[in-house]
Amino acid sequence: MISAKHLKKRLKERIDGLSEAKLRDMEKFMESLDSGSKKGDLLSFAGSWQALDDETFKEFTIGLENRRKTNRVKFLDETSFD
């Protein structure tokens, strides 16, 4: 396993060799990594359930508790398809 210090050194060396255009792309990419933690992204879902009818809302909420109590497989890993 590569140490964080060594990884940072390798990344810095690679960044030093980039063209200006690629540096701008790298900056945009790094900004996209940070954007996932912004409060605004989470708030964009605010009110999304507002238009649901009562029956659908109950299925999502009350039905969720019942589904969690069952012993069904929640996630399939890739090996289950072999």
PDB file of N, CA and C in Angstrom:
ATOM      1  N   MET A   1       0.847  -1.194   0.000  1.00  0.00           N
ATOM      2  CA  MET A   1       0.000   0.000   0.000  1.00  0.00           C
ATOM      3  C   MET A   1       0.878   1.238   0.000  1.00  0.00           C
ATOM      4  N   ILE A   2       0.538   2.171  -0.837  1.00  0.00           N
ATOM      5  CA  ILE A   2       1.329   3.382  -0.985  1.00  0.00           C
ATOM      6  C   ILE A   2       0.983   4.372   0.127  1.00  0.00           C
ATOM      7  N   SER A   3       1.999   5.008   0.675  1.00  0.00           N
ATOM      8  CA  SER A   3       1.760   5.967   1.752  1.00  0.00           C
ATOM      9  C   SER A   3       1.191   7.264   1.179  1.00  0.00           C
ATOM     10  N   ALA A   4       0.501   8.004   2.007  1.00  0.00           N
ATOM     11  CA  ALA A   4      -0.096   9.270   1.578  1.00  0.00           C
ATOM     12  C   ALA A   4       0.996  10.243   1.146  1.00  0.00           C
ATOM     13  N   LYS A   5       2.103  10.242   1.859  1.00  0.00           N
ATOM     14  CA  LYS A   5       3.211  11.144   1.534  1.00  0.00           C
ATOM     15  C   LYS A   5       3.756  10.834   0.145  1.00  0.00           C
ATOM     16  N   HIS A   6       3.954   9.554  -0.151  1.00  0.00           N
ATOM     17  CA  HIS A   6       4.474   9.145  -1.454  1.00  0.00           C
ATOM     18  C   HIS A   6       3.458   9.439  -2.562  1.00  0.00           C
ATOM     19  N   LEU A   7       2.208   9.209  -2.287  1.00  0.00           N
ATOM     20  CA  LEU A   7       1.159   9.483  -3.267  1.00  0.00           C
ATOM     21  C   LEU A   7       1.100  10.973  -3.606  1.00  0.00           C
ATOM     22  N   LYS A   8       1.166  11.815  -2.594  1.00  0.00           N
ATOM     23  CA  LYS A   8       1.161  13.261  -2.829  1.00  0.00           C
ATOM     24  C   LYS A   8       2.354  13.675  -3.682  1.00  0.00           C
ATOM     25  N   LYS A   9       3.512  13.084  -3.414  1.00  0.00           N
ATOM     26  CA  LYS A   9       4.712  13.402  -4.182  1.00  0.00           C
ATOM     27  C   LYS A   9       4.521  13.020  -5.651  1.00  0.00           C
ATOM     28  N   ARG A  10       3.972  11.825  -5.878  1.00  0.00           N
ATOM     29  CA  ARG A  10       3.728  11.366  -7.252  1.00  0.00           C
ATOM     30  C   ARG A  10       2.738  12.269  -7.974  1.00  0.00           C
ATOM     31  N   LEU A  11       1.684  12.652  -7.272  1.00  0.00           N
ATOM     32  CA  LEU A  11       0.679  13.534  -7.880  1.00  0.00           C
ATOM     33  C   LEU A  11       1.268  14.894  -8.217  1.00  0.00           C
ATOM     34  N   LYS A  12       2.072  15.447  -7.317  1.00  0.00           N
ATOM     35  CA  LYS A  12       2.704  16.743  -7.576  1.00  0.00           C
ATOM     36  C   LYS A  12       3.607  16.667  -8.798  1.00  0.00           C
ATOM     37  N   GLU A  13       4.354  15.592  -8.926  1.00  0.00           N
ATOM     38  CA  GLU A  13       5.232  15.427 -10.083  1.00  0.00           C
ATOM     39  C   GLU A  13       4.422  15.359 -11.376  1.00  0.00           C
ATOM     40  N   ARG A  14       3.316  14.657 -11.340  1.00  0.00           N
ATOM     41  CA  ARG A  14       2.476  14.550 -12.538  1.00  0.00           C
ATOM     42  C   ARG A  14       1.836  15.889 -12.878  1.00  0.00           C
ATOM     43  N   ILE A  15       1.393  16.622 -11.867  1.00  0.00           N
ATOM     44  CA  ILE A  15       0.766  17.926 -12.082  1.00  0.00           C
ATOM     45  C   ILE A  15       1.772  18.907 -12.669  1.00  0.00           C
ATOM     46  N   ASP A  16       3.014  18.850 -12.205  1.00  0.00           N
ATOM     47  CA  ASP A  16       4.049  19.744 -12.722  1.00  0.00           C
ATOM     48  C   ASP A  16       4.253  19.562 -14.223  1.00  0.00           C
ATOM     49  N   GLY A  17       3.966  18.396 -14.748  1.00  0.00           N
ATOM     50  CA  GLY A  17       4.171  18.131 -16.162  1.00  0.00           C
ATOM     51  C   GLY A  17       2.972  18.426 -17.041  1.00  0.00           C
ATOM     52  N   LEU A  18       1.882  18.910 -16.472  1.00  0.00           N
ATOM     53  CA  LEU A  18       0.669  19.165 -17.251  1.00  0.00           C
ATOM     54  C   LEU A  18       0.725  20.493 -17.995  1.00  0.00           C
ATOM     55  N   SER A  19       0.052  20.513 -19.125  1.00  0.00           N
ATOM     56  CA  SER A  19      -0.092  21.765 -19.882  1.00  0.00           C
ATOM     57  C   SER A  19      -1.086  22.673 -19.149  1.00  0.00           C
ATOM     58  N   GLU A  20      -1.135  23.933 -19.583  1.00  0.00           N
ATOM     59  CA  GLU A  20      -2.063  24.870 -18.950  1.00  0.00           C
ATOM     60  C   GLU A  20      -3.514  24.408 -19.103  1.00  0.00           C
ATOM     61  N   ALA A  21      -3.853  23.900 -20.280  1.00  0.00           N
ATOM     62  CA  ALA A  21      -5.215  23.421 -20.517  1.00  0.00           C
ATOM     63  C   ALA A  21      -5.560  22.253 -19.589  1.00  0.00           C
ATOM     64  N   LYS A  22      -4.614  21.341 -19.437  1.00  0.00           N
ATOM     65  CA  LYS A  22      -4.851  20.189 -18.555  1.00  0.00           C
ATOM     66  C   LYS A  22      -4.919  20.621 -17.096  1.00  0.00           C
ATOM     67  N   LEU A  23      -4.154  21.644 -16.735  1.00  0.00           N
ATOM     68  CA  LEU A  23      -4.227  22.170 -15.366  1.00  0.00           C
ATOM     69  C   LEU A  23      -5.616  22.734 -15.077  1.00  0.00           C
ATOM     70  N   ARG A  24      -6.181  23.402 -16.070  1.00  0.00           N
ATOM     71  CA  ARG A  24      -7.540  23.945 -15.905  1.00  0.00           C
ATOM     72  C   ARG A  24      -8.556  22.803 -15.753  1.00  0.00           C
ATOM     73  N   ASP A  25      -8.370  21.743 -16.530  1.00  0.00           N
ATOM     74  CA  ASP A  25      -9.234  20.568 -16.396  1.00  0.00           C
ATOM     75  C   ASP A  25      -9.086  19.950 -15.007  1.00  0.00           C
ATOM     76  N   MET A  26      -7.846  19.892 -14.534  1.00  0.00           N
ATOM     77  CA  MET A  26      -7.585  19.327 -13.210  1.00  0.00           C
ATOM     78  C   MET A  26      -8.270  20.161 -12.127  1.00  0.00           C
ATOM     79  N   GLU A  27      -8.214  21.473 -12.271  1.00  0.00           N
ATOM     80  CA  GLU A  27      -8.868  22.358 -11.309  1.00  0.00           C
ATOM     81  C   GLU A  27     -10.375  22.123 -11.286  1.00  0.00           C
ATOM     82  N   LYS A  28     -10.989  22.002 -12.463  1.00  0.00           N
ATOM     83  CA  LYS A  28     -12.430  21.733 -12.536  1.00  0.00           C
ATOM     84  C   LYS A  28     -12.767  20.397 -11.888  1.00  0.00           C
ATOM     85  N   PHE A  29     -11.916  19.399 -12.143  1.00  0.00           N
ATOM     86  CA  PHE A  29     -12.143  18.090 -11.547  1.00  0.00           C
ATOM     87  C   PHE A  29     -12.062  18.158 -10.024  1.00  0.00           C
ATOM     88  N   MET A  30     -11.073  18.852  -9.519  1.00  0.00           N
ATOM     89  CA  MET A  30     -10.918  18.957  -8.062  1.00  0.00           C
ATOM     90  C   MET A  30     -12.084  19.718  -7.440  1.00  0.00           C
ATOM     91  N   GLU A  31     -12.571  20.727  -8.139  1.00  0.00           N
ATOM     92  CA  GLU A  31     -13.749  21.449  -7.653  1.00  0.00           C
ATOM     93  C   GLU A  31     -14.962  20.530  -7.601  1.00  0.00           C
ATOM     94  N   SER A  32     -15.081  19.643  -8.584  1.00  0.00           N
ATOM     95  CA  SER A  32     -16.217  18.716  -8.594  1.00  0.00           C
ATOM     96  C   SER A  32     -16.143  17.746  -7.423  1.00  0.00           C
ATOM     97  N   LEU A  33     -14.938  17.407  -6.985  1.00  0.00           N
ATOM     98  CA  LEU A  33     -14.795  16.529  -5.817  1.00  0.00           C
ATOM     99  C   LEU A  33     -15.282  17.227  -4.557  1.00  0.00           C
ATOM    100  N   ASP A  34     -15.010  18.520  -4.451  1.00  0.00           N
ATOM    101  CA  ASP A  34     -15.435  19.291  -3.284  1.00  0.00           C
ATOM    102  C   ASP A  34     -16.923  19.588  -3.287  1.00  0.00           C
ATOM    103  N   SER A  35     -17.541  19.678  -4.450  1.00  0.00           N
ATOM    104  CA  SER A  35     -18.933  20.106  -4.536  1.00  0.00           C
ATOM    105  C   SER A  35     -19.899  19.114  -3.907  1.00  0.00           C
ATOM    106  N   GLY A  36     -19.510  17.860  -3.738  1.00  0.00           N
ATOM    107  CA  GLY A  36     -20.399  16.864  -3.153  1.00  0.00           C
ATOM    108  C   GLY A  36     -20.735  17.121  -1.702  1.00  0.00           C
ATOM    109  N   SER A  37     -19.950  17.933  -1.031  1.00  0.00           N
ATOM    110  CA  SER A  37     -20.183  18.165   0.382  1.00  0.00           C
ATOM    111  C   SER A  37     -20.871  19.496   0.665  1.00  0.00           C
ATOM    112  N   LYS A  38     -21.308  20.185  -0.361  1.00  0.00           N
ATOM    113  CA  LYS A  38     -21.935  21.482  -0.166  1.00  0.00           C
ATOM    114  C   LYS A  38     -23.374  21.330   0.321  1.00  0.00           C
ATOM    115  N   LYS A  39     -23.750  22.211   1.217  1.00  0.00           N
ATOM    116  CA  LYS A  39     -25.092  22.206   1.779  1.00  0.00           C
ATOM    117  C   LYS A  39     -26.155  22.375   0.692  1.00  0.00           C
ATOM    118  N   GLY A  40     -25.878  23.169  -0.305  1.00  0.00           N
ATOM    119  CA  GLY A  40     -26.834  23.417  -1.380  1.00  0.00           C
ATOM    120  C   GLY A  40     -27.212  22.156  -2.131  1.00  0.00           C
ATOM    121  N   ASP A  41     -26.263  21.243  -2.290  1.00  0.00           N
ATOM    122  CA  ASP A  41     -26.562  19.992  -2.980  1.00  0.00           C
ATOM    123  C   ASP A  41     -27.603  19.183  -2.207  1.00  0.00           C
ATOM    124  N   LEU A  42     -27.464  19.166  -0.907  1.00  0.00           N
ATOM    125  CA  LEU A  42     -28.432  18.436  -0.089  1.00  0.00           C
ATOM    126  C   LEU A  42     -29.792  19.124  -0.093  1.00  0.00           C
ATOM    127  N   LEU A  43     -29.763  20.427  -0.042  1.00  0.00           N
ATOM    128  CA  LEU A  43     -31.025  21.168  -0.012  1.00  0.00           C
ATOM    129  C   LEU A  43     -31.762  21.102  -1.339  1.00  0.00           C
ATOM    130  N   SER A  44     -31.082  20.701  -2.401  1.00  0.00           N
ATOM    131  CA  SER A  44     -31.767  20.607  -3.684  1.00  0.00           C
ATOM    132  C   SER A  44     -32.860  19.546  -3.667  1.00  0.00           C
ATOM    133  N   PHE A  45     -32.822  18.640  -2.688  1.00  0.00           N
ATOM    134  CA  PHE A  45     -33.853  17.611  -2.562  1.00  0.00           C
ATOM    135  C   PHE A  45     -35.021  18.069  -1.681  1.00  0.00           C
ATOM    136  N   ALA A  46     -34.890  19.233  -1.072  1.00  0.00           N
ATOM    137  CA  ALA A  46     -35.926  19.724  -0.171  1.00  0.00           C
ATOM    138  C   ALA A  46     -37.248  19.854  -0.914  1.00  0.00           C
ATOM    139  N   GLY A  47     -38.297  19.321  -0.320  1.00  0.00           N
ATOM    140  CA  GLY A  47     -39.629  19.420  -0.902  1.00  0.00           C
ATOM    141  C   GLY A  47     -39.915  18.434  -2.016  1.00  0.00           C
ATOM    142  N   SER A  48     -38.974  17.545  -2.305  1.00  0.00           N
ATOM    143  CA  SER A  48     -39.176  16.630  -3.434  1.00  0.00           C
ATOM    144  C   SER A  48     -40.304  15.636  -3.181  1.00  0.00           C
ATOM    145  N   TRP A  49     -40.661  15.406  -1.933  1.00  0.00           N
ATOM    146  CA  TRP A  49     -41.765  14.483  -1.627  1.00  0.00           C
ATOM    147  C   TRP A  49     -43.093  15.222  -1.492  1.00  0.00           C
ATOM    148  N   GLN A  50     -43.074  16.509  -1.650  1.00  0.00           N
ATOM    149  CA  GLN A  50     -44.256  17.323  -1.416  1.00  0.00           C
ATOM    150  C   GLN A  50     -45.412  16.956  -2.339  1.00  0.00           C
ATOM    151  N   ALA A  51     -45.130  16.563  -3.559  1.00  0.00           N
ATOM    152  CA  ALA A  51     -46.181  16.283  -4.530  1.00  0.00           C
ATOM    153  C   ALA A  51     -46.708  14.849  -4.458  1.00  0.00           C
ATOM    154  N   LEU A  52     -46.156  14.024  -3.561  1.00  0.00           N
ATOM    155  CA  LEU A  52     -46.609  12.634  -3.457  1.00  0.00           C
ATOM    156  C   LEU A  52     -47.991  12.561  -2.824  1.00  0.00           C
ATOM    157  N   ASP A  53     -48.824  11.677  -3.342  1.00  0.00           N
ATOM    158  CA  ASP A  53     -50.122  11.474  -2.715  1.00  0.00           C
ATOM    159  C   ASP A  53     -49.922  10.693  -1.411  1.00  0.00           C
ATOM    160  N   ASP A  54     -50.921  10.685  -0.563  1.00  0.00           N
ATOM    161  CA  ASP A  54     -50.813  10.064   0.765  1.00  0.00           C
ATOM    162  C   ASP A  54     -50.469   8.580   0.695  1.00  0.00           C
ATOM    163  N   GLU A  55     -51.062   7.864  -0.232  1.00  0.00           N
ATOM    164  CA  GLU A  55     -50.834   6.420  -0.345  1.00  0.00           C
ATOM    165  C   GLU A  55     -49.376   6.122  -0.706  1.00  0.00           C
ATOM    166  N   THR A  56     -48.841   6.853  -1.641  1.00  0.00           N
ATOM    167  CA  THR A  56     -47.447   6.655  -2.045  1.00  0.00           C
ATOM    168  C   THR A  56     -46.506   7.020  -0.910  1.00  0.00           C
ATOM    169  N   PHE A  57     -46.803   8.115  -0.216  1.00  0.00           N
ATOM    170  CA  PHE A  57     -45.972   8.526   0.910  1.00  0.00           C
ATOM    171  C   PHE A  57     -45.958   7.456   2.001  1.00  0.00           C
ATOM    172  N   LYS A  58     -47.121   6.891   2.301  1.00  0.00           N
ATOM    173  CA  LYS A  58     -47.196   5.821   3.308  1.00  0.00           C
ATOM    174  C   LYS A  58     -46.377   4.612   2.871  1.00  0.00           C
ATOM    175  N   GLU A  59     -46.438   4.271   1.602  1.00  0.00           N
ATOM    176  CA  GLU A  59     -45.669   3.131   1.093  1.00  0.00           C
ATOM    177  C   GLU A  59     -44.177   3.364   1.257  1.00  0.00           C
ATOM    178  N   PHE A  60     -43.724   4.578   0.985  1.00  0.00           N
ATOM    179  CA  PHE A  60     -42.304   4.889   1.144  1.00  0.00           C
ATOM    180  C   PHE A  60     -41.874   4.899   2.601  1.00  0.00           C
ATOM    181  N   THR A  61     -42.720   5.379   3.482  1.00  0.00           N
ATOM    182  CA  THR A  61     -42.316   5.524   4.884  1.00  0.00           C
ATOM    183  C   THR A  61     -42.668   4.306   5.731  1.00  0.00           C
ATOM    184  N   ILE A  62     -43.926   3.988   5.838  1.00  0.00           N
ATOM    185  CA  ILE A  62     -44.349   2.847   6.659  1.00  0.00           C
ATOM    186  C   ILE A  62     -43.889   1.543   6.022  1.00  0.00           C
ATOM    187  N   GLY A  63     -44.041   1.444   4.723  1.00  0.00           N
ATOM    188  CA  GLY A  63     -43.595   0.248   4.021  1.00  0.00           C
ATOM    189  C   GLY A  63     -42.106   0.020   4.145  1.00  0.00           C
ATOM    190  N   LEU A  64     -41.345   1.082   4.266  1.00  0.00           N
ATOM    191  CA  LEU A  64     -39.897   0.970   4.420  1.00  0.00           C
ATOM    192  C   LEU A  64     -39.544   0.204   5.687  1.00  0.00           C
ATOM    193  N   GLU A  65     -40.197   0.550   6.768  1.00  0.00           N
ATOM    194  CA  GLU A  65     -39.929  -0.148   8.038  1.00  0.00           C
ATOM    195  C   GLU A  65     -40.221  -1.642   7.905  1.00  0.00           C
ATOM    196  N   ASN A  66     -41.311  -1.988   7.274  1.00  0.00           N
ATOM    197  CA  ASN A  66     -41.657  -3.402   7.088  1.00  0.00           C
ATOM    198  C   ASN A  66     -40.656  -4.114   6.183  1.00  0.00           C
ATOM    199  N   ARG A  67     -40.229  -3.440   5.119  1.00  0.00           N
ATOM    200  CA  ARG A  67     -39.241  -4.054   4.212  1.00  0.00           C
ATOM    201  C   ARG A  67     -37.914  -4.289   4.922  1.00  0.00           C
ATOM    202  N   ARG A  68     -37.539  -3.394   5.794  1.00  0.00           N
ATOM    203  CA  ARG A  68     -36.268  -3.548   6.513  1.00  0.00           C
ATOM    204  C   ARG A  68     -36.319  -4.722   7.487  1.00  0.00           C
ATOM    205  N   LYS A  69     -37.494  -5.096   7.932  1.00  0.00           N
ATOM    206  CA  LYS A  69     -37.627  -6.207   8.867  1.00  0.00           C
ATOM    207  C   LYS A  69     -37.522  -7.562   8.176  1.00  0.00           C
ATOM    208  N   THR A  70     -37.713  -7.589   6.877  1.00  0.00           N
ATOM    209  CA  THR A  70     -37.652  -8.858   6.160  1.00  0.00           C
ATOM    210  C   THR A  70     -36.206  -9.286   5.966  1.00  0.00           C
ATOM    211  N   ASN A  71     -36.004 -10.556   5.710  1.00  0.00           N
ATOM    212  CA  ASN A  71     -34.662 -11.104   5.536  1.00  0.00           C
ATOM    213  C   ASN A  71     -34.305 -11.230   4.058  1.00  0.00           C
ATOM    214  N   ARG A  72     -34.517 -10.196   3.299  1.00  0.00           N
ATOM    215  CA  ARG A  72     -34.185 -10.275   1.890  1.00  0.00           C
ATOM    216  C   ARG A  72     -32.810  -9.657   1.647  1.00  0.00           C
ATOM    217  N   VAL A  73     -32.213 -10.009   0.522  1.00  0.00           N
ATOM    218  CA  VAL A  73     -30.901  -9.485   0.169  1.00  0.00           C
ATOM    219  C   VAL A  73     -31.048  -8.023  -0.219  1.00  0.00           C
ATOM    220  N   LYS A  74     -30.259  -7.164   0.416  1.00  0.00           N
ATOM    221  CA  LYS A  74     -30.359  -5.734   0.147  1.00  0.00           C
ATOM    222  C   LYS A  74     -29.565  -5.346  -1.083  1.00  0.00           C
ATOM    223  N   PHE A  75     -28.362  -5.880  -1.215  1.00  0.00           N
ATOM    224  CA  PHE A  75     -27.499  -5.537  -2.337  1.00  0.00           C
ATOM    225  C   PHE A  75     -26.903  -6.812  -2.893  1.00  0.00           C
ATOM    226  N   LEU A  76     -26.768  -6.851  -4.187  1.00  0.00           N
ATOM    227  CA  LEU A  76     -26.128  -7.990  -4.848  1.00  0.00           C
ATOM    228  C   LEU A  76     -24.730  -7.581  -5.235  1.00  0.00           C
ATOM    229  N   ASP A  77     -23.759  -8.447  -4.960  1.00  0.00           N
ATOM    230  CA  ASP A  77     -22.414  -8.128  -5.420  1.00  0.00           C
ATOM    231  C   ASP A  77     -22.226  -8.740  -6.807  1.00  0.00           C
ATOM    232  N   GLU A  78     -21.170  -8.341  -7.478  1.00  0.00           N
ATOM    233  CA  GLU A  78     -20.947  -8.754  -8.852  1.00  0.00           C
ATOM    234  C   GLU A  78     -20.738 -10.254  -8.971  1.00  0.00           C
ATOM    235  N   THR A  79     -20.234 -10.895  -7.928  1.00  0.00           N
ATOM    236  CA  THR A  79     -19.955 -12.335  -7.998  1.00  0.00           C
ATOM    237  C   THR A  79     -21.231 -13.161  -8.055  1.00  0.00           C
ATOM    238  N   SER A  80     -22.366 -12.573  -7.659  1.00  0.00           N
ATOM    239  CA  SER A  80     -23.612 -13.326  -7.662  1.00  0.00           C
ATOM    240  C   SER A  80     -24.140 -13.562  -9.078  1.00  0.00           C
ATOM    241  N   PHE A  81     -23.570 -12.874 -10.057  1.00  0.00           N
ATOM    242  CA  PHE A  81     -24.012 -13.027 -11.433  1.00  0.00           C
ATOM    243  C   PHE A  81     -23.205 -14.060 -12.213  1.00  0.00           C
ATOM    244  N   ASP A  82     -22.173 -14.616 -11.627  1.00  0.00           N
ATOM    245  CA  ASP A  82     -21.327 -15.598 -12.334  1.00  0.00           C
ATOM    246  C   ASP A  82     -22.003 -16.940 -12.438  1.00  0.00           C
TER     247      ASP A  82
END
